[in-house]
C-alpha atoms as a PDB file:
ATOM      1  CA  MET A   1      -0.004   0.014   0.025  1.00  0.00           C
ATOM      2  CA  GLU A   2       1.547   3.348  -1.071  1.00  0.00           C
ATOM      3  CA  PHE A   3       1.711   6.270   1.443  1.00  0.00           C
ATOM      4  CA  VAL A   4      -0.858   8.901   0.790  1.00  0.00           C
ATOM      5  CA  ASP A   5      -0.052  12.436   2.065  1.00  0.00           C
ATOM      6  CA  TYR A   6      -3.346  13.701   3.080  1.00  0.00           C
ATOM      7  CA  TYR A   7      -1.856  17.050   4.452  1.00  0.00           C
ATOM      8  CA  LYS A   8      -0.378  17.696   0.951  1.00  0.00           C
ATOM      9  CA  ILE A   9      -3.738  16.806  -0.702  1.00  0.00           C
ATOM     10  CA  LEU A  10      -5.589  19.458   1.478  1.00  0.00           C
ATOM     11  CA  GLY A  11      -2.567  21.877   1.203  1.00  0.00           C
ATOM     12  CA  VAL A  12      -2.256  22.253   5.003  1.00  0.00           C
ATOM     13  CA  SER A  13       0.713  21.733   7.400  1.00  0.00           C
ATOM     14  CA  LYS A  14       0.864  18.982  10.031  1.00  0.00           C
ATOM     15  CA  ASN A  15       0.221  21.640  12.631  1.00  0.00           C
ATOM     16  CA  ALA A  16      -2.987  22.807  11.043  1.00  0.00           C
ATOM     17  CA  THR A  17      -5.956  23.212  13.327  1.00  0.00           C
ATOM     18  CA  GLU A  18      -9.306  21.442  12.973  1.00  0.00           C
ATOM     19  CA  SER A  19     -10.611  24.822  11.612  1.00  0.00           C
ATOM     20  CA  ASP A  20      -7.752  25.086   9.048  1.00  0.00           C
ATOM     21  CA  VAL A  21      -8.543  21.556   7.807  1.00  0.00           C
ATOM     22  CA  LYS A  22     -12.230  22.361   7.553  1.00  0.00           C
ATOM     23  CA  LYS A  23     -11.561  25.525   5.598  1.00  0.00           C
ATOM     24  CA  ALA A  24      -9.173  23.879   3.217  1.00  0.00           C
ATOM     25  CA  TYR A  25     -11.559  20.991   2.603  1.00  0.00           C
ATOM     26  CA  ARG A  26     -14.517  23.245   1.845  1.00  0.00           C
ATOM     27  CA  LYS A  27     -12.582  25.334  -0.490  1.00  0.00           C
ATOM     28  CA  LEU A  28     -11.186  22.498  -2.522  1.00  0.00           C
ATOM     29  CA  ALA A  29     -14.479  20.562  -2.435  1.00  0.00           C
ATOM     30  CA  ARG A  30     -16.245  23.542  -4.069  1.00  0.00           C
ATOM     31  CA  LYS A  31     -13.431  23.951  -6.713  1.00  0.00           C
ATOM     32  CA  TYR A  32     -13.480  20.227  -7.790  1.00  0.00           C
ATOM     33  CA  HIS A  33     -17.099  19.307  -7.158  1.00  0.00           C
ATOM     34  CA  PRO A  34     -18.542  17.160 -10.113  1.00  0.00           C
ATOM     35  CA  ASP A  35     -21.485  19.446 -10.596  1.00  0.00           C
ATOM     36  CA  LEU A  36     -19.064  22.284 -11.416  1.00  0.00           C
ATOM     37  CA  ASN A  37     -16.745  20.068 -13.468  1.00  0.00           C
ATOM     38  CA  PRO A  38     -19.037  17.837 -15.575  1.00  0.00           C
ATOM     39  CA  ASN A  39     -17.333  14.956 -17.493  1.00  0.00           C
ATOM     40  CA  ASP A  40     -13.860  16.031 -16.078  1.00  0.00           C
ATOM     41  CA  LYS A  41     -12.291  12.762 -14.871  1.00  0.00           C
ATOM     42  CA  GLU A  42      -9.298  14.576 -13.306  1.00  0.00           C
ATOM     43  CA  ALA A  43     -11.569  16.842 -11.259  1.00  0.00           C
ATOM     44  CA  GLU A  44     -13.560  13.757 -10.170  1.00  0.00           C
ATOM     45  CA  LYS A  45     -10.391  11.947  -9.073  1.00  0.00           C
ATOM     46  CA  LYS A  46      -9.252  15.039  -7.142  1.00  0.00           C
ATOM     47  CA  PHE A  47     -12.734  15.379  -5.497  1.00  0.00           C
ATOM     48  CA  LYS A  48     -12.425  11.777  -4.156  1.00  0.00           C
ATOM     49  CA  GLU A  49      -8.929  12.345  -2.932  1.00  0.00           C
ATOM     50  CA  ILE A  50     -10.097  15.495  -1.100  1.00  0.00           C
ATOM     51  CA  ASN A  51     -13.037  13.624   0.590  1.00  0.00           C
ATOM     52  CA  GLU A  52     -10.767  10.716   1.602  1.00  0.00           C
ATOM     53  CA  ALA A  53      -8.284  13.202   3.124  1.00  0.00           C
ATOM     54  CA  ASN A  54     -11.028  14.988   5.034  1.00  0.00           C
ATOM     55  CA  GLU A  55     -12.333  11.770   6.399  1.00  0.00           C
ATOM     56  CA  VAL A  56      -8.922  11.148   7.950  1.00  0.00           C
ATOM     57  CA  LEU A  57      -7.712  14.656   8.981  1.00  0.00           C
ATOM     58  CA  GLY A  58     -11.214  15.800   9.884  1.00  0.00           C
ATOM     59  CA  ASN A  59     -11.663  13.242  12.467  1.00  0.00           C
ATOM     60  CA  VAL A  60      -9.572  13.616  15.671  1.00  0.00           C
ATOM     61  CA  GLU A  61      -9.013   9.894  16.238  1.00  0.00           C
ATOM     62  CA  ASN A  62      -8.296   9.026  12.586  1.00  0.00           C
ATOM     63  CA  ARG A  63      -5.859  11.912  12.453  1.00  0.00           C
ATOM     64  CA  LYS A  64      -4.053  10.798  15.502  1.00  0.00           C
ATOM     65  CA  LYS A  65      -3.660   7.166  14.153  1.00  0.00           C
ATOM     66  CA  TYR A  66      -2.567   8.635  10.697  1.00  0.00           C
ATOM     67  CA  ASP A  67       0.101  10.811  12.368  1.00  0.00           C
ATOM     68  CA  GLN A  68       1.464   7.817  14.398  1.00  0.00           C
ATOM     69  CA  TYR A  69       1.261   4.951  11.899  1.00  0.00           C
ATOM     70  CA  GLY A  70       1.111   6.626   8.485  1.00  0.00           C
ATOM     71  CA  LYS A  71      -0.083   4.437   5.616  1.00  0.00           C
ATOM     72  CA  ASP A  72      -0.960   1.612   8.137  1.00  0.00           C
ATOM     73  CA  TRP A  73      -3.168   3.828  10.341  1.00  0.00           C
ATOM     74  CA  LYS A  74      -6.215   1.771   9.643  1.00  0.00           C
ATOM     75  CA  HIS A  75      -4.685  -1.122  11.375  1.00  0.00           C
ATOM     76  CA  ALA A  76      -3.469   0.708  14.429  1.00  0.00           C
ATOM     77  CA  SER A  77      -5.823  -0.911  16.752  1.00  0.00           C
ATOM     78  CA  ALA A  78      -4.752  -4.341  15.710  1.00  0.00           C
ATOM     79  CA  PHE A  79      -1.110  -3.474  16.323  1.00  0.00           C
ATOM     80  CA  ASP A  80      -1.884  -2.005  19.677  1.00  0.00           C
ATOM     81  CA  LYS A  81      -3.726  -5.220  20.751  1.00  0.00           C
ATOM     82  CA  ALA A  82      -0.942  -7.464  19.605  1.00  0.00           C
ATOM     83  CA  LYS A  83       1.633  -5.160  21.337  1.00  0.00           C
ATOM     84  CA  GLN A  84      -0.305  -5.234  24.724  1.00  0.00           C
ATOM     85  CA  SER A  85      -0.567  -9.065  24.567  1.00  0.00           C
ATOM     86  CA  GLN A  86       2.979  -9.825  23.565  1.00  0.00           C
ATOM     87  CA  GLY A  87       4.658 -10.015  26.995  1.00  0.00           C
ATOM     88  CA  LYS A  88       7.349 -12.557  26.228  1.00  0.00           C
ATOM     89  CA  TYR A  89       8.660 -13.894  22.946  1.00  0.00           C
ATOM     90  CA  THR A  90      10.185 -17.232  22.391  1.00  0.00           C
ATOM     91  CA  LYS A  91      13.457 -17.148  20.366  1.00  0.00           C
ATOM     92  CA  ASN A  92      16.145 -19.517  19.441  1.00  0.00           C
ATOM     93  CA  GLY A  93      14.696 -22.785  20.702  1.00  0.00           C
ATOM     94  CA  GLY A  94      12.986 -21.599  23.872  1.00  0.00           C
ATOM     95  CA  GLN A  95      15.142 -18.783  25.138  1.00  0.00           C
ATOM     96  CA  GLN A  96      13.021 -15.890  26.214  1.00  0.00           C
ATOM     97  CA  TYR A  97      13.241 -12.125  26.409  1.00  0.00           C
ATOM     98  CA  GLU A  98      10.847  -9.435  27.510  1.00  0.00           C
ATOM     99  CA  GLY A  99      10.232  -5.798  26.332  1.00  0.00           C
ATOM    100  CA  ASP A 100       8.185  -3.628  24.050  1.00  0.00           C
ATOM    101  CA  PHE A 101       8.181  -3.594  20.282  1.00  0.00           C
ATOM    102  CA  SER A 102      11.022  -1.570  18.777  1.00  0.00           C
ATOM    103  CA  GLU A 103      10.618   0.314  15.440  1.00  0.00           C
ATOM    104  CA  ASN A 104      11.982  -2.596  13.602  1.00  0.00           C
ATOM    105  CA  ASP A 105       9.365  -4.834  15.325  1.00  0.00           C
ATOM    106  CA  PHE A 106       6.653  -2.312  14.116  1.00  0.00           C
ATOM    107  CA  SER A 107       7.855  -2.624  10.538  1.00  0.00           C
ATOM    108  CA  ASP A 108       8.118  -6.364  10.709  1.00  0.00           C
ATOM    109  CA  PHE A 109       4.608  -6.467  12.191  1.00  0.00           C
ATOM    110  CA  PHE A 110       3.016  -4.596   9.219  1.00  0.00           C
ATOM    111  CA  GLU A 111       5.173  -6.410   6.733  1.00  0.00           C
ATOM    112  CA  SER A 112       3.898  -9.735   8.072  1.00  0.00           C
ATOM    113  CA  MET A 113       0.449  -8.349   7.565  1.00  0.00           C
ATOM    114  CA  PHE A 114       0.788  -7.104   4.024  1.00  0.00           C
ATOM    115  CA  GLY A 115       4.012  -8.663   2.655  1.00  0.00           C
ATOM    116  CA  GLY A 116       3.064 -12.303   3.307  1.00  0.00           C
ATOM    117  CA  ARG A 117       5.894 -12.999   5.783  1.00  0.00           C
ATOM    118  CA  LYS A 118       4.890 -15.092   8.742  1.00  0.00           C
ATOM    119  CA  ARG A 119       5.879 -13.961  12.230  1.00  0.00           C
ATOM    120  CA  SER A 120       4.898 -15.304  15.584  1.00  0.00           C
ATOM    121  CA  TYR A 121       4.275 -13.347  18.820  1.00  0.00           C
ATOM    122  CA  GLY A 122       4.126 -15.243  22.105  1.00  0.00           C
ATOM    123  CA  GLY A 123       4.553 -18.600  20.320  1.00  0.00           C
ATOM    124  CA  GLY A 124       1.516 -18.197  18.088  1.00  0.00           C
ATOM    125  CA  GLN A 125       0.799 -16.680  14.702  1.00  0.00           C
ATOM    126  CA  VAL A 126      -1.222 -13.516  14.712  1.00  0.00           C
ATOM    127  CA  LYS A 127      -4.364 -13.587  12.454  1.00  0.00           C
ATOM    128  CA  PHE A 128      -5.510 -10.484  10.603  1.00  0.00           C
ATOM    129  CA  ARG A 129      -8.410  -9.720   8.319  1.00  0.00           C
ATOM    130  CA  GLY A 130      -7.567  -8.843   4.767  1.00  0.00           C
ATOM    131  CA  GLU A 131      -8.012  -5.228   3.645  1.00  0.00           C
ATOM    132  CA  ASP A 132     -11.393  -4.075   2.235  1.00  0.00           C
ATOM    133  CA  TYR A 133     -11.387  -3.055  -1.466  1.00  0.00           C
ATOM    134  CA  ASN A 134     -13.449  -0.175  -2.924  1.00  0.00           C
ATOM    135  CA  ALA A 135     -14.493  -0.025  -6.595  1.00  0.00           C
ATOM    136  CA  GLU A 136     -16.763   2.135  -8.748  1.00  0.00           C
ATOM    137  CA  LEU A 137     -19.044   0.700 -11.494  1.00  0.00           C
ATOM    138  CA  ARG A 138     -20.449   3.145 -14.062  1.00  0.00           C
ATOM    139  CA  LEU A 139     -23.799   2.148 -15.716  1.00  0.00           C
ATOM    140  CA  ASP A 140     -26.438   3.745 -17.739  1.00  0.00           C
ATOM    141  CA  LEU A 141     -30.014   4.119 -16.151  1.00  0.00           C
ATOM    142  CA  MET A 142     -31.326   1.381 -18.512  1.00  0.00           C
ATOM    143  CA  ASP A 143     -28.565  -0.959 -17.371  1.00  0.00           C
ATOM    144  CA  VAL A 144     -30.264  -1.244 -14.054  1.00  0.00           C
ATOM    145  CA  TYR A 145     -33.869  -1.361 -15.347  1.00  0.00           C
ATOM    146  CA  LYS A 146     -33.537  -5.177 -15.162  1.00  0.00           C
ATOM    147  CA  SER A 147     -31.566  -7.518 -12.976  1.00  0.00           C
ATOM    148  CA  HIS A 148     -28.583  -8.913 -14.813  1.00  0.00           C
ATOM    149  CA  LYS A 149     -25.155 -10.508 -14.371  1.00  0.00           C
ATOM    150  CA  ARG A 150     -21.928  -8.837 -15.129  1.00  0.00           C
ATOM    151  CA  THR A 151     -18.247  -9.821 -14.811  1.00  0.00           C
ATOM    152  CA  LEU A 152     -15.939  -7.313 -13.190  1.00  0.00           C
ATOM    153  CA  THR A 153     -12.154  -7.313 -12.965  1.00  0.00           C
ATOM    154  CA  VAL A 154     -10.836  -6.192  -9.587  1.00  0.00           C
ATOM    155  CA  ASN A 155      -7.131  -6.441  -8.839  1.00  0.00           C
ATOM    156  CA  GLY A 156      -6.638  -8.853 -11.730  1.00  0.00           C
ATOM    157  CA  LYS A 157      -9.398 -11.183 -10.583  1.00  0.00           C
ATOM    158  CA  ASN A 158     -12.671 -11.687 -12.513  1.00  0.00           C
ATOM    159  CA  ILE A 159     -15.753 -11.550 -10.374  1.00  0.00           C
ATOM    160  CA  ARG A 160     -19.248 -12.402 -11.716  1.00  0.00           C
ATOM    161  CA  ILE A 161     -22.012 -10.575  -9.755  1.00  0.00           C
ATOM    162  CA  THR A 162     -25.651 -10.050 -10.069  1.00  0.00           C
ATOM    163  CA  ILE A 163     -26.757  -6.418 -10.401  1.00  0.00           C
ATOM    164  CA  PRO A 164     -30.260  -6.035  -8.979  1.00  0.00           C
ATOM    165  CA  ALA A 165     -32.779  -3.924 -10.789  1.00  0.00           C
ATOM    166  CA  GLY A 166     -33.415  -0.627  -9.153  1.00  0.00           C
ATOM    167  CA  VAL A 167     -29.910   0.159  -8.014  1.00  0.00           C
ATOM    168  CA  GLU A 168     -29.567   3.874  -7.244  1.00  0.00           C
ATOM    169  CA  ASN A 169     -26.879   6.296  -8.087  1.00  0.00           C
ATOM    170  CA  GLY A 170     -24.334   6.485  -5.290  1.00  0.00           C
ATOM    171  CA  GLN A 171     -25.543   3.146  -3.756  1.00  0.00           C
ATOM    172  CA  THR A 172     -22.911   0.856  -2.324  1.00  0.00           C
ATOM    173  CA  ILE A 173     -23.182  -2.925  -2.106  1.00  0.00           C
ATOM    174  CA  LYS A 174     -20.816  -5.285  -0.305  1.00  0.00           C
ATOM    175  CA  ILE A 175     -19.413  -8.544  -1.794  1.00  0.00           C
ATOM    176  CA  ARG A 176     -18.103 -10.639   1.054  1.00  0.00           C
ATOM    177  CA  ASN A 177     -14.576 -12.102   1.031  1.00  0.00           C
ATOM    178  CA  TYR A 178     -13.529 -10.523  -2.362  1.00  0.00           C
ATOM    179  CA  GLY A 179     -11.271  -7.982  -0.718  1.00  0.00           C
ATOM    180  CA  GLY A 180      -7.605  -8.480   0.246  1.00  0.00           C
ATOM    181  CA  LEU A 181      -6.306 -11.793   1.477  1.00  0.00           C
ATOM    182  CA  GLY A 182      -6.122 -12.419   5.224  1.00  0.00           C
ATOM    183  CA  THR A 183      -2.831 -13.257   6.868  1.00  0.00           C
ATOM    184  CA  GLY A 184      -2.008 -15.780   9.424  1.00  0.00           C
ATOM    185  CA  GLY A 185      -5.261 -17.702   8.582  1.00  0.00           C
ATOM    186  CA  GLY A 186      -7.421 -14.589   9.035  1.00  0.00           C
ATOM    187  CA  PRO A 187     -10.440 -14.022   6.868  1.00  0.00           C
ATOM    188  CA  ASN A 188     -10.413 -12.106   3.597  1.00  0.00           C
ATOM    189  CA  GLY A 189     -11.660  -8.527   3.414  1.00  0.00           C
ATOM    190  CA  ASP A 190     -14.705  -7.451   1.480  1.00  0.00           C
ATOM    191  CA  LEU A 191     -15.333  -5.696  -1.795  1.00  0.00           C
ATOM    192  CA  PHE A 192     -17.482  -2.547  -1.739  1.00  0.00           C
ATOM    193  CA  ILE A 193     -18.942  -1.465  -5.160  1.00  0.00           C
ATOM    194  CA  THR A 194     -20.373   1.973  -5.504  1.00  0.00           C
ATOM    195  CA  PHE A 195     -22.708   2.507  -8.404  1.00  0.00           C
ATOM    196  CA  VAL A 196     -22.549   5.683 -10.629  1.00  0.00           C
ATOM    197  CA  ILE A 197     -25.695   5.710 -12.575  1.00  0.00           C
ATOM    198  CA  GLU A 198     -25.788   8.066 -15.557  1.00  0.00           C
ATOM    199  CA  ASN A 199     -29.312   8.989 -16.739  1.00  0.00           C
ATOM    200  CA  THR A 200     -29.296   9.546 -20.526  1.00  0.00           C
ATOM    201  CA  THR A 201     -33.090   9.171 -20.744  1.00  0.00           C
ATOM    202  CA  VAL A 202     -35.886  11.888 -21.003  1.00  0.00           C
ATOM    203  CA  PHE A 203     -37.151  10.887 -17.521  1.00  0.00           C
ATOM    204  CA  LYS A 204     -36.206  12.319 -14.158  1.00  0.00           C
ATOM    205  CA  ARG A 205     -35.756   9.655 -11.571  1.00  0.00           C
ATOM    206  CA  ASP A 206     -36.500   9.838  -7.879  1.00  0.00           C
ATOM    207  CA  LYS A 207     -35.923   6.349  -6.378  1.00  0.00           C
ATOM    208  CA  GLY A 208     -38.768   4.253  -8.014  1.00  0.00           C
ATOM    209  CA  ASP A 209     -40.725   7.221  -9.407  1.00  0.00           C
ATOM    210  CA  LEU A 210     -40.157   8.690 -12.858  1.00  0.00           C
ATOM    211  CA  TYR A 211     -41.142  12.182 -14.077  1.00  0.00           C
ATOM    212  CA  LEU A 212     -41.784  13.255 -17.669  1.00  0.00           C
ATOM    213  CA  ASN A 213     -42.755  16.566 -19.168  1.00  0.00           C
ATOM    214  CA  LYS A 214     -45.023  16.141 -22.235  1.00  0.00           C
ATOM    215  CA  GLY A 215     -45.959  18.861 -24.738  1.00  0.00           C
ATOM    216  CA  ILE A 216     -49.597  18.935 -26.000  1.00  0.00           C
ATOM    217  CA  ASP A 217     -51.110  21.293 -28.475  1.00  0.00           C
ATOM    218  CA  LEU A 218     -53.640  23.904 -27.438  1.00  0.00           C
ATOM    219  CA  TYR A 219     -56.474  22.194 -29.399  1.00  0.00           C
ATOM    220  CA  THR A 220     -56.086  18.902 -27.540  1.00  0.00           C
ATOM    221  CA  ALA A 221     -55.817  20.707 -24.210  1.00  0.00           C
ATOM    222  CA  VAL A 222     -59.100  22.649 -24.901  1.00  0.00           C
ATOM    223  CA  LEU A 223     -61.133  19.923 -26.607  1.00  0.00           C
ATOM    224  CA  GLY A 224     -59.526  16.769 -25.170  1.00  0.00           C
ATOM    225  CA  GLY A 225     -58.109  13.821 -27.095  1.00  0.00           C
ATOM    226  CA  GLU A 226     -55.569  10.973 -27.058  1.00  0.00           C
ATOM    227  CA  ILE A 227     -51.737  11.156 -27.073  1.00  0.00           C
ATOM    228  CA  LEU A 228     -48.911   8.604 -27.034  1.00  0.00           C
ATOM    229  CA  ILE A 229     -46.241   8.781 -24.491  1.00  0.00           C
ATOM    230  CA  ASN A 230     -43.028   6.796 -24.087  1.00  0.00           C
ATOM    231  CA  THR A 231     -42.477   4.736 -20.980  1.00  0.00           C
ATOM    232  CA  LEU A 232     -39.432   2.553 -20.205  1.00  0.00           C
ATOM    233  CA  ASP A 233     -41.243  -0.557 -21.380  1.00  0.00           C
ATOM    234  CA  GLY A 234     -43.022   0.741 -24.464  1.00  0.00           C
ATOM    235  CA  LYS A 235     -45.633   3.303 -25.596  1.00  0.00           C
ATOM    236  CA  VAL A 236     -48.817   4.079 -23.784  1.00  0.00           C
ATOM    237  CA  LYS A 237     -51.896   5.760 -25.064  1.00  0.00           C
ATOM    238  CA  LEU A 238     -53.229   8.422 -22.757  1.00  0.00           C
ATOM    239  CA  LYS A 239     -56.533  10.331 -22.724  1.00  0.00           C
ATOM    240  CA  VAL A 240     -56.469  14.060 -22.228  1.00  0.00           C
ATOM    241  CA  LYS A 241     -59.473  15.559 -20.673  1.00  0.00           C
ATOM    242  CA  PRO A 242     -61.131  18.520 -22.188  1.00  0.00           C
ATOM    243  CA  GLU A 243     -60.090  21.992 -20.780  1.00  0.00           C
ATOM    244  CA  THR A 244     -56.803  20.596 -19.448  1.00  0.00           C
ATOM    245  CA  GLU A 245     -54.671  23.360 -18.016  1.00  0.00           C
ATOM    246  CA  ASN A 246     -51.047  23.953 -18.474  1.00  0.00           C
ATOM    247  CA  GLY A 247     -48.951  22.121 -15.790  1.00  0.00           C
ATOM    248  CA  THR A 248     -51.596  19.474 -15.081  1.00  0.00           C
ATOM    249  CA  LYS A 249     -49.925  16.298 -13.735  1.00  0.00           C
ATOM    250  CA  VAL A 250     -51.207  12.801 -14.173  1.00  0.00           C
ATOM    251  CA  LYS A 251     -50.035   9.577 -12.618  1.00  0.00           C
ATOM    252  CA  LEU A 252     -49.444   6.325 -14.327  1.00  0.00           C
ATOM    253  CA  LYS A 253     -49.412   3.680 -11.545  1.00  0.00           C
ATOM    254  CA  GLY A 254     -46.648   1.045 -11.810  1.00  0.00           C
ATOM    255  CA  LYS A 255     -45.058   2.610 -14.962  1.00  0.00           C
ATOM    256  CA  GLY A 256     -42.048   3.900 -13.102  1.00  0.00           C
ATOM    257  CA  PHE A 257     -38.747   2.295 -12.168  1.00  0.00           C
ATOM    258  CA  PRO A 258     -38.232  -1.099 -10.620  1.00  0.00           C
ATOM    259  CA  LEU A 259     -37.939  -0.840  -6.714  1.00  0.00           C
ATOM    260  CA  TYR A 260     -34.720  -2.200  -5.380  1.00  0.00           C
ATOM    261  CA  LYS A 261     -35.025  -5.825  -4.141  1.00  0.00           C
ATOM    262  CA  LYS A 262     -38.812  -5.772  -4.320  1.00  0.00           C
ATOM    263  CA  GLU A 263     -39.529  -8.454  -6.869  1.00  0.00           C
ATOM    264  CA  GLY A 264     -42.268  -7.186  -9.317  1.00  0.00           C
ATOM    265  CA  GLY A 265     -42.561  -3.845  -7.494  1.00  0.00           C
ATOM    266  CA  TYR A 266     -42.446  -0.552  -9.591  1.00  0.00           C
ATOM    267  CA  GLY A 267     -42.801   3.111  -8.800  1.00  0.00           C
ATOM    268  CA  ASN A 268     -45.129   5.465 -10.682  1.00  0.00           C
ATOM    269  CA  LEU A 269     -44.752   7.652 -13.717  1.00  0.00           C
ATOM    270  CA  TYR A 270     -45.828  11.266 -13.375  1.00  0.00           C
ATOM    271  CA  VAL A 271     -46.554  13.183 -16.576  1.00  0.00           C
ATOM    272  CA  THR A 272     -46.772  16.887 -16.636  1.00  0.00           C
ATOM    273  CA  TYR A 273     -48.599  18.514 -19.488  1.00  0.00           C
ATOM    274  CA  ASN A 274     -46.952  21.552 -21.143  1.00  0.00           C
ATOM    275  CA  VAL A 275     -49.530  23.287 -23.370  1.00  0.00           C
ATOM    276  CA  LYS A 276     -47.891  24.624 -26.468  1.00  0.00           C
ATOM    277  CA  LEU A 277     -49.437  27.726 -28.084  1.00  0.00           C
ATOM    278  CA  PRO A 278     -49.908  27.745 -31.787  1.00  0.00           C
ATOM    279  CA  LYS A 279     -47.472  29.807 -33.871  1.00  0.00           C
ATOM    280  CA  LYS A 280     -47.676  31.339 -37.348  1.00  0.00           C
ATOM    281  CA  LEU A 281     -51.430  31.561 -37.407  1.00  0.00           C
ATOM    282  CA  THR A 282     -53.265  32.097 -40.684  1.00  0.00           C
ATOM    283  CA  SER A 283     -55.693  34.930 -41.044  1.00  0.00           C
ATOM    284  CA  LYS A 284     -58.602  32.509 -40.736  1.00  0.00           C
ATOM    285  CA  GLN A 285     -57.283  31.116 -37.475  1.00  0.00           C
ATOM    286  CA  LYS A 286     -56.763  34.611 -36.056  1.00  0.00           C
ATOM    287  CA  GLU A 287     -60.339  35.485 -37.041  1.00  0.00           C
ATOM    288  CA  LEU A 288     -61.668  32.338 -35.229  1.00  0.00           C
ATOM    289  CA  PHE A 289     -59.635  33.325 -32.038  1.00  0.00           C
ATOM    290  CA  ARG A 290     -61.191  36.840 -32.273  1.00  0.00           C
ATOM    291  CA  GLU A 291     -64.632  35.315 -32.375  1.00  0.00           C
ATOM    292  CA  LEU A 292     -63.841  33.214 -29.361  1.00  0.00           C
ATOM    293  CA  SER A 293     -62.464  36.209 -27.488  1.00  0.00           C
ATOM    294  CA  ASN A 294     -65.566  38.097 -28.232  1.00  0.00           C
ATOM    295  CA  LEU A 295     -67.769  35.305 -26.940  1.00  0.00           C
END
């Protein structure tokens, strides 16, 4: 695991106060926010680094561990427990010595965790859980309209997973035991996948509900009629009531998006009518409108 200098990422010194860290984070977060930098991969990467740095330096306990253990700060508790329980070590066929871990012992401890080297403390091998992995999966909205299987490559390993219909943008799921390998017989870590859902449709999504703006002509709005609208599973014929006002909203029950992990469950589709006024009227049409106005 490479060392990441969170102080450098936020542009603050190691003596920075909590207030200094907070100010630096807010300033950089605004600068590199995805909403202000659409389709900018570099800004997106920077924004993630800034948030990660703030999670560490913006938390008193995390910052204390990071300052003491550097890149291995997440495993500080495990090291402290092993250190407290060590007491005596067996060396050279039964000879014993006492004392605390030295700096070399500290390095060896983490090397045994991440480098694969086995080391025993107090005559027994210490077991450690593997590191958790985090990954992003970018999908289009229509990719999560139906459940499907997909093969992912994480750290050189192919993993076949089922992506449930209705997954939301920013949602994270956990795949057990697909993280880093455990050491000393410890369990593997987990894989956390965060979904980034890009909506390229004409619909606006809010969980299971979809929203659509539909233009209708003035004559249909006044006299009523039928129109065709698109839904995610095909076209639907919709009746427009006479004297429909601009901005009228109608609900199509069950025509929305699949509900996450609710088999056969769907949200609703809400259609808002936008009445379009006629343009380039002929003389005859203008005359008819004048007659209506006089009436």
